[in-house]
Amino acid sequence: MASRRSRQQETEVRGRREAPRPSTAPRRGRPTRARARAISPALLSTLNKDARELREEFQVPGLAYALVEGDETVALECMGCRRVEETGRCPELKPQPVGADTLFQIGSITKSFTATQLALLVEAGKLEWEAPVRRYLRDFALADAWATREFQVADIVAHRSGLPDRCLGLMAVLGFGRDDVFRALRHVEPVASFRGAYAYQNQFLILAGKLIEQKTEKPWAEALASQLFEPLGMSRSTADPRVVAGMSDVASGHAFIPDETGALKICPIPEDWRYTDALYVDAPAGAIHASVSDMARWMRFHLGKGTFEGTPVLGETGMAYLHTPRTSIRFIPPASAVLYAAGWAYLSAAPRPLLWHDGGTPGMRSFLGLIPDDGVGMVVLTNLGPEPQEDDTQPRMDMAGALFERFYALYLGLEAQAQARWPRLLPANDRPARLASWEQDRETGVLPAALSKLCGTFVNPAYGAFQVKQQGGKLVLRMGPRKIVAPLEHAGGLVFEAVLPGDLLFMLENPRLLVRLVLDKQGNTRELRFLQGAFGDVQQGRFIRRE
């Protein structure tokens, strides 16, 4: 990506360190020698320079990163602002500097916390990793009866269910709640054998939240605070939206939004954005807000094998379980592999294996990586979503991942790569290939002259009732409990594009859904069929007319 100069002013927090704790008392009669630091001052200086360059290149309004080594935070840097004015491609800063205590959404890094909560309950004898989920949640069900019986607690955080990648992802956007998603899992058709393939999921973390609430007798966010935030001194972290609303030092998410000419500009997500609640439907998958200083504590805890500042929080056996890879994602020639552990991804790369997770919420990107063999880790938090690109079949690197890549290369003496050496957990978008199968439908089929014949209510067992109605002489689609209204633009033949509201651009890169009308012999719409990838995970995207 070409470098772009902006008028952004920077505020920084440099060189903040925590004093190292002594490990053991020296032996009498033998001189002690300070352990050589693996992260050198020269590396820190180069990385800081790289961070500035990348921030300018990616146009990130604000960022914070921290590096830890052993039980010490050796660097903590903050740059830029929490929120920008909507002034176009190169936004001006408001006087809201990012600091060490500024809260960012950490997205799917939350999964490492939720998995650790489960490990604590296993250690306390309240759960078993290999126990069937139905032992604890009797109403849990999948479409496959055998998978329902055999689905274990460990499978919740291993992404090996056999269901389609990111299934039911639009339910929260439509206004459905946690229990709705939980019940809808039984309607999702598997696309692979159970435990036979990796497919990234958020919705199964709802099961984890239910288990944690059942065994702690607390709401998930409260249990998270008492199990982890309080023992680790993470006083600037929360998963409770009410707590976030009462805080002032909070970063806003930003996204690239096209203006009336089509030019992209960086816009903050409105404070009253109506889809904010969608983040909390599957909260155990990605709802934590945390500061960079608190995330440094999180890294020290995991690098310390469950002990923090001399106090055991989780036993070494439980921590080792979380870090052990169990689901294969892909092989990287010549001799590396990416696997998934429990709330962590694992890269079996030479010269050092890596534990990591990235995170993405509307307008935010984050990355956390640990090199356990060396006791070294880095976290990067940013408040800008990725810039749209013409070729959406390729995974993109945002600034958080790019900066960690720079650190990884500097630390190990490797060549920095244009693409991260760890593929993103989310797969490349295959929408263009799927669109090709719809071209024939665009060219064939004749619509009836009367629009009324196309209207009706159409039902799907997971996504509920959608309505096609006439409004101002045109067709519109009304969807979900939120009653989202999307105009239907004729794309040719029997195919329409449902144009979702513009404020969904903060969440969806392409807020257009292709839908095909299936007519009966009288020319009435018998069913709606959505393009695979929108609602195609249930009943192949079919919504049947309700008489």
Foldseek 3Di string as FASTA:
>chain_A
DDFAAAPEDKDKDWFDKDDDDDDDDDDPPDDDDDDDDLCDPVLVVVLVVVLVRQCRRQVFQWKWKWKDFAQMTGIIMIIHAQFFDQDFARTYGDPHGADQLFWFFQAQLLQLLLLVLVLLCVVVVNFDQQQQLCVPVVPQAALDPVLNRRVGNVNLQFQQQQFAAAAPVCQLVQPDAQVLLRNCRRQFDGPGDRSPAGHHYLNSLSSSQVSSCVRVVDRSFVSSCVQPCVVLVQPSKTLDVVVVVPDDRYGFAWEFAADPVGHTTIHTQDPVNPSPCSCCRSSSRTRMIGGNNSVNSVLNCLLVQQAHPNRHSGHNVSSVQQVDFDHWHADDPPHWGWGHGGSWIWIPDPPFIKTKAWRDDLRWIKIKMDRSVRRMIMIMITRGDGHDDPPQQDDDDRSRQQSVLSSVCSSVVHDRDPDHPHDHPHHGDPVVVLVVVCPVQQAAADADPDCVLAWAWWQFPSFGIKTWDDDPNFTWIFGHPVRWIFTWDRSHHQKTWGAGDSSCVSPDVGRIWIWGFDADPVRHGQWIATRPPPNCSGPRRITGGDD
